[in-house]
Amino acid sequence: MYELEPGDERPDHITVGLIDADVPFTSSDTRDETVMDHYQDAIGAALEAEPDILVGAEYVFFPYQPLTREERDERFNVMRQLSTEHPDTLLMPGTYIWQEQGHLHNTLPVFHRGELVFTYEKQNPANAERWMESDHNLAYTAEKSEGVLEYQGLSVGMEICYDHTAHTLRDKGVRDLDLQVLVANGKDFIDTATMVREGGYHLRVDGSDSSSYDSVEVHKCVGPYKYTTVGPERMSELPHDMKLNLYELDMA
């Protein structure tokens, strides 16, 4: 487990912000950075609420063609600056689709106090990665990761979309998380794939425009494979028709 700022006292309560937005995701020959630019605006506005943790969706940094490493790093630098301006928030802005030397990556970065402190790459590519491989003559590659960090004394596990279907955290032996974060585009909550302790929470941020389930959702574990849905305490409008849902979570 990666430990962020060792020695921090475990909080009794935290505020989590989840960004609710439709993320168009399709194959296109035309490069378009509009979604990335709009999402950066929304993240900047959402950080003004000063949540302890802020989470965005999958594929938000994908201009219909994979970024180069240099383009990815330029976008990372924007998040570093926003993180510097809001140092008390653990920022998971959503995933970046990028390529290098024939390899395709789907990466969720984590920023804190202006630094890139952790990266998690989707461990189980799905249909979207497969058509990107085909369209751009690339091979999907992921750095192997347990996807768990400790923040303020809380254990936080991460998954990207199909990782949840594949029960990735469970199969890696991860148990008793305080928070499990699912960043997705078309993936619903699965109770048997959720490895949080009793009293812990599963956070899902999904950029899909599916009407079959909510885009953002929080479930609290109340017993073995038993969960209740937790509603947001506050909701606010963000630029470009996005919303911020804020949840006050009891971590005692």
Protein backbone atom coordinates (compact mmCIF):
# COMPACT_ATOMS: atom_id res chain seq x y z
CA MET A 1 0.00 0.00 0.00
CA TYR A 2 1.30 3.45 -0.92
CA GLU A 3 1.21 5.72 2.13
CA LEU A 4 0.49 9.38 1.53
CA GLU A 5 1.68 11.73 4.26
CA PRO A 6 2.39 9.11 6.91
CA GLY A 7 1.33 9.94 10.42
CA ASP A 8 -1.85 11.85 9.56
CA GLU A 9 -4.65 11.33 12.05
CA ARG A 10 -7.62 9.39 10.79
CA PRO A 11 -10.57 11.79 10.34
CA ASP A 12 -14.01 11.17 11.84
CA HIS A 13 -15.67 12.73 8.80
CA ILE A 14 -14.65 13.55 5.24
CA THR A 15 -16.28 15.44 2.39
CA VAL A 16 -16.17 13.70 -1.00
CA GLY A 17 -16.99 15.47 -4.26
CA LEU A 18 -18.10 13.45 -7.31
CA ILE A 19 -18.37 15.17 -10.70
CA ASP A 20 -21.56 14.26 -12.57
CA ALA A 21 -21.13 14.70 -16.33
CA ASP A 22 -21.83 12.91 -19.60
CA VAL A 23 -18.56 12.01 -21.30
CA PRO A 24 -18.99 11.30 -25.03
CA PHE A 25 -16.81 8.37 -25.96
CA THR A 26 -16.66 7.15 -29.50
CA SER A 27 -14.33 6.49 -32.39
CA SER A 28 -13.64 9.55 -34.53
CA ASP A 29 -11.10 10.62 -37.13
CA THR A 30 -11.37 14.22 -35.94
CA ARG A 31 -9.39 15.34 -32.91
CA ASP A 32 -11.45 17.44 -30.49
CA GLU A 33 -10.13 18.76 -27.18
CA THR A 34 -13.41 20.40 -26.13
CA VAL A 35 -14.36 17.80 -23.52
CA MET A 36 -10.90 18.01 -21.91
CA ASP A 37 -11.02 21.80 -21.77
CA HIS A 38 -14.55 21.81 -20.35
CA TYR A 39 -13.68 19.18 -17.77
CA GLN A 40 -10.67 21.17 -16.59
CA ASP A 41 -12.97 24.18 -16.10
CA ALA A 42 -15.40 22.01 -14.11
CA ILE A 43 -12.63 20.59 -11.91
CA GLY A 44 -11.38 24.08 -11.13
CA ALA A 45 -14.90 25.15 -10.11
CA ALA A 46 -15.50 21.96 -8.08
CA LEU A 47 -12.30 22.49 -6.10
CA GLU A 48 -13.71 25.78 -4.81
CA ALA A 49 -15.96 23.67 -2.56
CA GLU A 50 -12.75 22.34 -0.92
CA PRO A 51 -13.72 18.65 -0.66
CA ASP A 52 -11.28 16.28 1.02
CA ILE A 53 -11.42 14.08 -2.10
CA LEU A 54 -12.60 15.01 -5.60
CA VAL A 55 -13.19 12.36 -8.29
CA GLY A 56 -13.86 12.58 -12.04
CA ALA A 57 -14.90 9.97 -14.60
CA GLU A 58 -13.20 7.69 -17.10
CA TYR A 59 -12.13 8.92 -20.58
CA VAL A 60 -12.48 12.62 -19.72
CA PHE A 61 -9.00 13.35 -21.09
CA PHE A 62 -9.36 11.77 -24.52
CA PRO A 63 -9.74 13.99 -27.61
CA TYR A 64 -10.97 11.02 -29.72
CA GLN A 65 -7.33 10.16 -30.33
CA PRO A 66 -4.82 9.05 -27.67
CA LEU A 67 -2.65 11.80 -26.24
CA THR A 68 1.11 11.66 -26.60
CA ARG A 69 3.11 11.48 -23.36
CA GLU A 70 4.03 15.15 -23.83
CA GLU A 71 0.38 16.14 -24.27
CA ARG A 72 -0.58 14.05 -21.25
CA ASP A 73 2.11 15.74 -19.16
CA GLU A 74 0.88 19.19 -20.23
CA ARG A 75 -2.60 18.25 -19.01
CA PHE A 76 -1.11 16.82 -15.81
CA ASN A 77 0.56 20.18 -15.21
CA VAL A 78 -2.83 21.90 -15.24
CA MET A 79 -3.97 19.52 -12.48
CA ARG A 80 -0.74 20.14 -10.56
CA GLN A 81 -1.46 23.86 -10.58
CA LEU A 82 -5.06 23.36 -9.46
CA SER A 83 -3.82 21.01 -6.74
CA THR A 84 -1.31 23.64 -5.60
CA GLU A 85 -4.16 26.15 -5.27
CA HIS A 86 -6.26 23.61 -3.30
CA PRO A 87 -3.67 21.70 -1.28
CA ASP A 88 -6.08 20.02 1.13
CA THR A 89 -7.91 18.06 -1.59
CA LEU A 90 -6.87 14.65 -2.84
CA LEU A 91 -7.60 15.06 -6.55
CA MET A 92 -8.47 12.13 -8.83
CA PRO A 93 -9.48 14.07 -11.96
CA GLY A 94 -10.46 11.12 -14.17
CA THR A 95 -8.57 9.03 -16.70
CA TYR A 96 -6.19 10.06 -19.47
CA ILE A 97 -5.88 8.01 -22.67
CA TRP A 98 -2.36 8.24 -24.05
CA GLN A 99 0.17 6.39 -26.16
CA GLU A 100 3.91 5.95 -26.32
CA GLN A 101 6.11 3.75 -28.51
CA GLY A 102 3.18 1.72 -29.80
CA HIS A 103 1.58 1.19 -26.38
CA LEU A 104 -1.83 2.45 -25.24
CA HIS A 105 -2.55 3.45 -21.62
CA ASN A 106 -5.64 4.38 -19.58
CA THR A 107 -4.32 6.16 -16.49
CA LEU A 108 -5.94 7.62 -13.38
CA PRO A 109 -3.52 10.09 -11.72
CA VAL A 110 -3.78 11.27 -8.12
CA PHE A 111 -2.61 14.77 -7.13
CA HIS A 112 -2.05 16.29 -3.70
CA ARG A 113 -0.42 19.56 -2.64
CA GLY A 114 0.62 20.26 -6.20
CA GLU A 115 2.34 16.93 -6.75
CA LEU A 116 1.52 13.80 -8.74
CA VAL A 117 1.57 11.32 -5.86
CA PHE A 118 0.15 8.15 -7.44
CA THR A 119 -0.97 6.68 -10.76
CA TYR A 120 -3.24 3.73 -11.39
CA GLU A 121 -3.65 2.14 -14.82
CA LYS A 122 -6.69 0.14 -15.89
CA GLN A 123 -5.68 -3.47 -15.34
CA ASN A 124 -8.33 -5.09 -17.53
CA PRO A 125 -8.85 -3.51 -20.97
CA ALA A 126 -12.35 -3.77 -22.39
CA ASN A 127 -14.09 -3.09 -25.71
CA ALA A 128 -13.13 0.58 -25.85
CA GLU A 129 -9.43 -0.13 -25.44
CA ARG A 130 -9.68 -2.86 -28.07
CA TRP A 131 -11.12 -0.56 -30.73
CA MET A 132 -8.53 2.08 -29.85
CA GLU A 133 -5.83 -0.56 -30.35
CA SER A 134 -7.30 -1.38 -33.74
CA ASP A 135 -7.94 2.22 -34.86
CA HIS A 136 -4.47 3.45 -33.91
CA ASN A 137 -2.36 0.30 -34.34
CA LEU A 138 -1.46 0.17 -30.65
CA ALA A 139 -1.12 -2.52 -27.97
CA TYR A 140 -2.77 -1.90 -24.59
CA THR A 141 -0.27 -1.95 -21.72
CA ALA A 142 -0.81 -1.41 -17.99
CA GLU A 143 1.67 -1.03 -15.18
CA LYS A 144 0.67 -3.69 -12.65
CA SER A 145 -0.69 -2.11 -9.49
CA GLU A 146 -2.66 -3.13 -6.44
CA GLY A 147 -4.30 0.28 -6.70
CA VAL A 148 -4.37 1.00 -2.97
CA LEU A 149 -3.06 4.04 -1.11
CA GLU A 150 -3.37 5.36 2.43
CA TYR A 151 -4.56 8.93 2.84
CA GLN A 152 -5.05 10.58 6.23
CA GLY A 153 -5.07 7.14 7.83
CA LEU A 154 -7.77 5.89 5.43
CA SER A 155 -7.16 2.98 3.04
CA VAL A 156 -8.36 3.91 -0.45
CA GLY A 157 -8.67 1.39 -3.30
CA MET A 158 -9.04 2.31 -6.98
CA GLU A 159 -10.55 0.60 -10.01
CA ILE A 160 -11.21 1.71 -13.58
CA CYS A 161 -14.42 0.42 -15.17
CA TYR A 162 -13.95 -3.22 -16.24
CA ASP A 163 -11.58 -3.81 -13.31
CA HIS A 164 -14.74 -3.83 -11.19
CA THR A 165 -16.39 -6.52 -13.34
CA ALA A 166 -13.17 -8.55 -13.11
CA HIS A 167 -13.22 -8.29 -9.29
CA THR A 168 -9.65 -6.97 -9.48
CA LEU A 169 -9.26 -5.75 -5.89
CA ARG A 170 -10.85 -8.89 -4.47
CA ASP A 171 -8.62 -11.15 -6.54
CA LYS A 172 -5.53 -9.26 -5.38
CA GLY A 173 -6.46 -10.04 -1.79
CA VAL A 174 -7.46 -6.49 -0.90
CA ARG A 175 -9.88 -6.35 2.03
CA ASP A 176 -11.36 -3.91 4.57
CA LEU A 177 -10.92 -0.70 2.60
CA ASP A 178 -12.30 2.51 4.02
CA LEU A 179 -13.05 3.81 0.53
CA GLN A 180 -13.24 2.05 -2.84
CA VAL A 181 -13.26 4.40 -5.83
CA LEU A 182 -14.65 3.23 -9.18
CA VAL A 183 -13.94 5.57 -12.11
CA ALA A 184 -15.92 4.33 -15.10
CA ASN A 185 -17.83 4.86 -18.32
CA GLY A 186 -20.66 2.33 -18.36
CA LYS A 187 -20.13 0.22 -15.24
CA ASP A 188 -22.66 -0.28 -12.45
CA PHE A 189 -21.95 -1.12 -8.80
CA ILE A 190 -21.25 -4.82 -8.06
CA ASP A 191 -21.60 -5.82 -4.41
CA THR A 192 -19.38 -8.93 -4.64
CA ALA A 193 -16.54 -6.85 -6.14
CA THR A 194 -16.65 -4.32 -3.30
CA MET A 195 -13.99 -4.83 -0.65
CA VAL A 196 -14.81 -2.18 1.96
CA ARG A 197 -15.07 -2.75 5.68
CA GLU A 198 -18.38 -2.47 7.50
CA GLY A 199 -18.95 1.26 7.74
CA GLY A 200 -16.79 1.89 4.65
CA TYR A 201 -17.96 3.35 1.35
CA HIS A 202 -17.91 2.56 -2.37
CA LEU A 203 -17.74 5.68 -4.59
CA ARG A 204 -18.72 5.40 -8.26
CA VAL A 205 -18.23 8.14 -10.87
CA ASP A 206 -19.47 7.14 -14.32
CA GLY A 207 -19.34 9.33 -17.41
CA SER A 208 -21.78 7.21 -19.40
CA ASP A 209 -25.06 8.79 -20.46
CA SER A 210 -26.92 5.57 -19.65
CA SER A 211 -30.37 6.10 -18.16
CA SER A 212 -30.36 2.72 -16.41
CA TYR A 213 -28.44 3.97 -13.35
CA ASP A 214 -27.16 7.19 -11.80
CA SER A 215 -23.87 8.67 -13.01
CA VAL A 216 -22.54 9.16 -9.48
CA GLU A 217 -23.33 6.98 -6.50
CA VAL A 218 -22.15 6.22 -2.97
CA HIS A 219 -22.85 2.93 -1.20
CA LYS A 220 -22.16 2.30 2.49
CA CYS A 221 -21.35 -1.21 3.70
CA VAL A 222 -23.68 -2.21 6.54
CA GLY A 223 -22.78 -5.92 6.65
CA PRO A 224 -21.22 -8.68 4.54
CA TYR A 225 -22.23 -7.85 0.94
CA LYS A 226 -24.96 -5.57 2.28
CA TYR A 227 -25.00 -1.93 1.16
CA THR A 228 -27.21 1.10 1.49
CA THR A 229 -27.20 4.04 -0.92
CA VAL A 230 -26.03 7.35 0.53
CA GLY A 231 -27.44 10.53 -0.98
CA PRO A 232 -25.49 13.75 -1.49
CA GLU A 233 -25.64 16.44 1.19
CA ARG A 234 -25.22 19.18 -1.41
CA MET A 235 -25.40 19.54 -5.18
CA SER A 236 -24.15 22.50 -7.19
CA GLU A 237 -23.91 23.48 -10.84
CA LEU A 238 -20.54 23.42 -12.57
CA PRO A 239 -19.58 24.93 -15.94
CA HIS A 240 -20.65 23.21 -19.16
CA ASP A 241 -23.78 21.51 -17.75
CA MET A 242 -21.89 19.45 -15.18
CA LYS A 243 -22.79 19.03 -11.52
CA LEU A 244 -20.91 18.52 -8.27
CA ASN A 245 -22.38 16.10 -5.73
CA LEU A 246 -20.92 16.51 -2.24
CA TYR A 247 -21.18 13.72 0.34
CA GLU A 248 -20.38 14.03 4.04
CA LEU A 249 -19.12 10.59 5.09
CA ASP A 250 -18.84 9.36 8.67
CA MET A 251 -15.51 7.51 8.93
CA ALA A 252 -15.56 6.86 12.69
